PDB file of all heavy atoms in Angstrom:
ATOM      1  N   ASN A   1     118.113  79.834  90.002  1.00  0.00           N
ATOM      2  CA  ASN A   1     118.034  78.656  90.868  1.00  0.00           C
ATOM      3  C   ASN A   1     116.579  78.386  91.213  1.00  0.00           C
ATOM      4  O   ASN A   1     115.673  79.111  90.781  1.00  0.00           O
ATOM      5  CB  ASN A   1     118.885  78.867  92.131  1.00  0.00           C
ATOM      6  CG  ASN A   1     118.440  80.074  92.920  1.00  0.00           C
ATOM      7  OD1 ASN A   1     117.395  80.071  93.567  1.00  0.00           O
ATOM      8  ND2 ASN A   1     119.230  81.148  92.864  1.00  0.00           N
ATOM      9  N   VAL A   2     116.307  77.351  91.990  1.00  0.00           N
ATOM     10  CA  VAL A   2     114.937  76.930  92.255  1.00  0.00           C
ATOM     11  C   VAL A   2     114.144  77.980  93.041  1.00  0.00           C
ATOM     12  O   VAL A   2     112.913  77.944  93.051  1.00  0.00           O
ATOM     13  CB  VAL A   2     114.913  75.588  93.025  1.00  0.00           C
ATOM     14  CG1 VAL A   2     115.460  74.474  92.158  1.00  0.00           C
ATOM     15  CG2 VAL A   2     115.695  75.687  94.336  1.00  0.00           C
ATOM     16  N   ASN A   3     114.826  78.917  93.695  1.00  0.00           N
ATOM     17  CA  ASN A   3     114.133  79.943  94.482  1.00  0.00           C
ATOM     18  C   ASN A   3     114.026  81.295  93.770  1.00  0.00           C
ATOM     19  O   ASN A   3     113.431  82.227  94.305  1.00  0.00           O
ATOM     20  CB  ASN A   3     114.858  80.146  95.822  1.00  0.00           C
ATOM     21  CG  ASN A   3     114.755  78.935  96.713  1.00  0.00           C
ATOM     22  OD1 ASN A   3     113.678  78.378  96.887  1.00  0.00           O
ATOM     23  ND2 ASN A   3     115.873  78.508  97.278  1.00  0.00           N
ATOM     24  N   THR A   4     114.596  81.397  92.563  1.00  0.00           N
ATOM     25  CA  THR A   4     114.607  82.676  91.861  1.00  0.00           C
ATOM     26  C   THR A   4     113.214  83.255  91.673  1.00  0.00           C
ATOM     27  O   THR A   4     112.971  84.450  91.912  1.00  0.00           O
ATOM     28  CB  THR A   4     115.291  82.530  90.486  1.00  0.00           C
ATOM     29  OG1 THR A   4     116.666  82.182  90.686  1.00  0.00           O
ATOM     30  CG2 THR A   4     115.207  83.829  89.690  1.00  0.00           C
ATOM     31  N   ALA A   5     112.275  82.407  91.258  1.00  0.00           N
ATOM     32  CA  ALA A   5     110.925  82.885  90.948  1.00  0.00           C
ATOM     33  C   ALA A   5     110.219  83.457  92.172  1.00  0.00           C
ATOM     34  O   ALA A   5     109.271  84.236  92.042  1.00  0.00           O
ATOM     35  CB  ALA A   5     110.091  81.755  90.349  1.00  0.00           C
ATOM     36  N   LYS A   6     110.670  83.101  93.361  1.00  0.00           N
ATOM     37  CA  LYS A   6     110.038  83.587  94.584  1.00  0.00           C
ATOM     38  C   LYS A   6     110.593  84.943  95.028  1.00  0.00           C
ATOM     39  O   LYS A   6     110.099  85.513  96.007  1.00  0.00           O
ATOM     40  CB  LYS A   6     110.260  82.587  95.719  1.00  0.00           C
ATOM     41  CG  LYS A   6     109.696  81.199  95.463  1.00  0.00           C
ATOM     42  CD  LYS A   6     110.035  80.284  96.630  1.00  0.00           C
ATOM     43  CE  LYS A   6     109.560  78.869  96.385  1.00  0.00           C
ATOM     44  NZ  LYS A   6     109.925  77.969  97.520  1.00  0.00           N
ATOM     45  N   LYS A   7     111.592  85.451  94.325  1.00  0.00           N
ATOM     46  CA  LYS A   7     112.295  86.640  94.803  1.00  0.00           C
ATOM     47  C   LYS A   7     112.272  87.788  93.794  1.00  0.00           C
ATOM     48  O   LYS A   7     113.088  88.698  93.872  1.00  0.00           O
ATOM     49  CB  LYS A   7     113.745  86.277  95.129  1.00  0.00           C
ATOM     50  CG  LYS A   7     113.868  85.199  96.200  1.00  0.00           C
ATOM     51  CD  LYS A   7     115.307  84.795  96.442  1.00  0.00           C
ATOM     52  CE  LYS A   7     115.414  83.714  97.506  1.00  0.00           C
ATOM     53  NZ  LYS A   7     116.813  83.295  97.744  1.00  0.00           N
ATOM     54  N   ILE A   8     111.335  87.742  92.858  1.00  0.00           N
ATOM     55  CA  ILE A   8     111.263  88.756  91.816  1.00  0.00           C
ATOM     56  C   ILE A   8     110.149  89.748  92.146  1.00  0.00           C
ATOM     57  O   ILE A   8     109.009  89.357  92.391  1.00  0.00           O
ATOM     58  CB  ILE A   8     110.991  88.103  90.439  1.00  0.00           C
ATOM     59  CG1 ILE A   8     112.146  87.153  90.087  1.00  0.00           C
ATOM     60  CG2 ILE A   8     110.834  89.171  89.363  1.00  0.00           C
ATOM     61  CD1 ILE A   8     111.902  86.335  88.842  1.00  0.00           C
ATOM     62  N   MET A   9     110.487  91.027  92.147  1.00  0.00           N
ATOM     63  CA  MET A   9     109.489  92.063  92.392  1.00  0.00           C
ATOM     64  C   MET A   9     108.754  92.373  91.095  1.00  0.00           C
ATOM     65  O   MET A   9     109.368  92.495  90.030  1.00  0.00           O
ATOM     66  CB  MET A   9     110.145  93.315  92.959  1.00  0.00           C
ATOM     67  CG  MET A   9     110.722  93.110  94.350  1.00  0.00           C
ATOM     68  SD  MET A   9     111.530  94.590  95.033  1.00  0.00           S
ATOM     69  CE  MET A   9     110.123  95.677  95.245  1.00  0.00           C
ATOM     70  N   LEU A  10     107.432  92.517  91.194  1.00  0.00           N
ATOM     71  CA  LEU A  10     106.589  92.672  90.022  1.00  0.00           C
ATOM     72  C   LEU A  10     105.715  93.915  90.108  1.00  0.00           C
ATOM     73  O   LEU A  10     105.328  94.351  91.187  1.00  0.00           O
ATOM     74  CB  LEU A  10     105.666  91.445  89.864  1.00  0.00           C
ATOM     75  CG  LEU A  10     106.318  90.065  89.762  1.00  0.00           C
ATOM     76  CD1 LEU A  10     105.252  88.979  89.844  1.00  0.00           C
ATOM     77  CD2 LEU A  10     107.103  89.938  88.473  1.00  0.00           C
ATOM     78  N   ASP A  11     105.389  94.461  88.941  1.00  0.00           N
ATOM     79  CA  ASP A  11     104.343  95.469  88.786  1.00  0.00           C
ATOM     80  C   ASP A  11     104.667  96.774  89.532  1.00  0.00           C
ATOM     81  O   ASP A  11     105.746  96.958  90.090  1.00  0.00           O
ATOM     82  CB  ASP A  11     102.994  94.900  89.214  1.00  0.00           C
ATOM     83  CG  ASP A  11     102.638  93.631  88.442  1.00  0.00           C
ATOM     84  OD1 ASP A  11     103.020  93.548  87.260  1.00  0.00           O
ATOM     85  OD2 ASP A  11     102.008  92.736  89.023  1.00  0.00           O
ATOM     86  N   VAL A  12     103.665  97.661  89.531  1.00  0.00           N
ATOM     87  CA  VAL A  12     103.863  99.015  90.036  1.00  0.00           C
ATOM     88  C   VAL A  12     103.724  99.113  91.550  1.00  0.00           C
ATOM     89  O   VAL A  12     104.498  99.786  92.219  1.00  0.00           O
ATOM     90  CB  VAL A  12     102.863  99.983  89.358  1.00  0.00           C
ATOM     91  CG1 VAL A  12     102.968 101.366  89.969  1.00  0.00           C
ATOM     92  CG2 VAL A  12     103.125 100.046  87.859  1.00  0.00           C
ATOM     93  N   GLY A  13     102.724  98.463  92.110  1.00  0.00           N
ATOM     94  CA  GLY A  13     102.475  98.579  93.537  1.00  0.00           C
ATOM     95  C   GLY A  13     101.653  99.815  93.868  1.00  0.00           C
ATOM     96  O   GLY A  13     101.068 100.452  92.990  1.00  0.00           O
ATOM     97  N   ALA A  14     101.599 100.161  95.150  1.00  0.00           N
ATOM     98  CA  ALA A  14     100.800 101.297  95.622  1.00  0.00           C
ATOM     99  C   ALA A  14     101.619 102.132  96.585  1.00  0.00           C
ATOM    100  O   ALA A  14     102.515 101.631  97.274  1.00  0.00           O
ATOM    101  CB  ALA A  14      99.524 100.802  96.308  1.00  0.00           C
ATOM    102  N   PHE A  15     101.282 103.416  96.640  1.00  0.00           N
ATOM    103  CA  PHE A  15     101.988 104.363  97.499  1.00  0.00           C
ATOM    104  C   PHE A  15     101.059 104.874  98.588  1.00  0.00           C
ATOM    105  O   PHE A  15      99.868 105.094  98.343  1.00  0.00           O
ATOM    106  CB  PHE A  15     102.524 105.530  96.663  1.00  0.00           C
ATOM    107  CG  PHE A  15     103.513 105.107  95.614  1.00  0.00           C
ATOM    108  CD1 PHE A  15     103.082 104.731  94.352  1.00  0.00           C
ATOM    109  CD2 PHE A  15     104.870 105.066  95.902  1.00  0.00           C
ATOM    110  CE1 PHE A  15     103.993 104.337  93.380  1.00  0.00           C
ATOM    111  CE2 PHE A  15     105.786 104.675  94.944  1.00  0.00           C
ATOM    112  CZ  PHE A  15     105.340 104.300  93.674  1.00  0.00           C
ATOM    113  N   PHE A  16     101.611 105.077  99.781  1.00  0.00           N
ATOM    114  CA  PHE A  16     100.819 105.437 100.949  1.00  0.00           C
ATOM    115  C   PHE A  16     101.428 106.655 101.652  1.00  0.00           C
ATOM    116  O   PHE A  16     102.630 106.915 101.545  1.00  0.00           O
ATOM    117  CB  PHE A  16     100.772 104.285 101.953  1.00  0.00           C
ATOM    118  CG  PHE A  16     100.025 103.072 101.470  1.00  0.00           C
ATOM    119  CD1 PHE A  16     100.610 102.180 100.582  1.00  0.00           C
ATOM    120  CD2 PHE A  16      98.727 102.821 101.902  1.00  0.00           C
ATOM    121  CE1 PHE A  16      99.928 101.060 100.137  1.00  0.00           C
ATOM    122  CE2 PHE A  16      98.037 101.711 101.467  1.00  0.00           C
ATOM    123  CZ  PHE A  16      98.640 100.822 100.573  1.00  0.00           C
ATOM    124  N   VAL A  17     100.586 107.370 102.371  1.00  0.00           N
ATOM    125  CA  VAL A  17     101.018 108.466 103.230  1.00  0.00           C
ATOM    126  C   VAL A  17     100.681 108.112 104.671  1.00  0.00           C
ATOM    127  O   VAL A  17      99.560 107.697 104.982  1.00  0.00           O
ATOM    128  CB  VAL A  17     100.331 109.792 102.839  1.00  0.00           C
ATOM    129  CG1 VAL A  17     100.554 110.846 103.911  1.00  0.00           C
ATOM    130  CG2 VAL A  17     100.854 110.291 101.511  1.00  0.00           C
ATOM    131  N   ASN A  18     101.663 108.263 105.553  1.00  0.00           N
ATOM    132  CA  ASN A  18     101.478 107.992 106.986  1.00  0.00           C
ATOM    133  C   ASN A  18     100.934 106.590 107.234  1.00  0.00           C
ATOM    134  O   ASN A  18      99.993 106.385 108.006  1.00  0.00           O
ATOM    135  CB  ASN A  18     100.565 109.045 107.611  1.00  0.00           C
ATOM    136  CG  ASN A  18     101.141 110.439 107.514  1.00  0.00           C
ATOM    137  OD1 ASN A  18     102.354 110.622 107.425  1.00  0.00           O
ATOM    138  ND2 ASN A  18     100.281 111.442 107.519  1.00  0.00           N
ATOM    139  N   ALA A  19     101.546 105.623 106.565  1.00  0.00           N
ATOM    140  CA  ALA A  19     101.113 104.232 106.705  1.00  0.00           C
ATOM    141  C   ALA A  19     101.582 103.642 108.027  1.00  0.00           C
ATOM    142  O   ALA A  19     102.641 103.997 108.538  1.00  0.00           O
ATOM    143  CB  ALA A  19     101.655 103.402 105.551  1.00  0.00           C
ATOM    144  N   ASP A  20     100.783 102.727 108.555  1.00  0.00           N
ATOM    145  CA  ASP A  20     101.184 101.910 109.702  1.00  0.00           C
ATOM    146  C   ASP A  20     101.426 100.508 109.150  1.00  0.00           C
ATOM    147  O   ASP A  20     100.501  99.703 109.051  1.00  0.00           O
ATOM    148  CB  ASP A  20     100.092 101.907 110.770  1.00  0.00           C
ATOM    149  CG  ASP A  20     100.481 101.109 112.007  1.00  0.00           C
ATOM    150  OD1 ASP A  20     101.546 100.450 111.995  1.00  0.00           O
ATOM    151  OD2 ASP A  20      99.719 101.117 112.990  1.00  0.00           O
ATOM    152  N   VAL A  21     102.661 100.235 108.754  1.00  0.00           N
ATOM    153  CA  VAL A  21     102.935  98.984 108.058  1.00  0.00           C
ATOM    154  C   VAL A  21     102.718  97.764 108.952  1.00  0.00           C
ATOM    155  O   VAL A  21     102.525  96.660 108.443  1.00  0.00           O
ATOM    156  CB  VAL A  21     104.366  98.978 107.478  1.00  0.00           C
ATOM    157  CG1 VAL A  21     104.515 100.066 106.437  1.00  0.00           C
ATOM    158  CG2 VAL A  21     105.414  99.127 108.571  1.00  0.00           C
ATOM    159  N   SER A  22     102.732  97.957 110.262  1.00  0.00           N
ATOM    160  CA  SER A  22     102.501  96.826 111.165  1.00  0.00           C
ATOM    161  C   SER A  22     101.081  96.280 111.043  1.00  0.00           C
ATOM    162  O   SER A  22     100.799  95.146 111.434  1.00  0.00           O
ATOM    163  CB  SER A  22     102.769  97.235 112.617  1.00  0.00           C
ATOM    164  OG  SER A  22     101.791  98.172 113.072  1.00  0.00           O
ATOM    165  N   GLN A  23     100.177  97.087 110.477  1.00  0.00           N
ATOM    166  CA  GLN A  23      98.781  96.667 110.327  1.00  0.00           C
ATOM    167  C   GLN A  23      98.506  95.957 109.011  1.00  0.00           C
ATOM    168  O   GLN A  23      97.417  95.434 108.798  1.00  0.00           O
ATOM    169  CB  GLN A  23      97.860  97.888 110.446  1.00  0.00           C
ATOM    170  CG  GLN A  23      97.922  98.586 111.781  1.00  0.00           C
ATOM    171  CD  GLN A  23      97.537  97.654 112.919  1.00  0.00           C
ATOM    172  OE1 GLN A  23      96.491  97.008 112.904  1.00  0.00           O
ATOM    173  NE2 GLN A  23      98.417  97.580 113.924  1.00  0.00           N
ATOM    174  N   GLY A  24      99.485  95.944 108.114  1.00  0.00           N
ATOM    175  CA  GLY A  24      99.308  95.250 106.847  1.00  0.00           C
ATOM    176  C   GLY A  24      98.685  96.118 105.770  1.00  0.00           C
ATOM    177  O   GLY A  24      98.218  97.236 106.013  1.00  0.00           O
TER     178      GLY A  24
END
């Protein structure tokens, strides 16, 4: 549908230890 392209997860990403996700 018209929104499909906005909802696809891509690539590997990054991993964190003891992250504060509220800070971005």
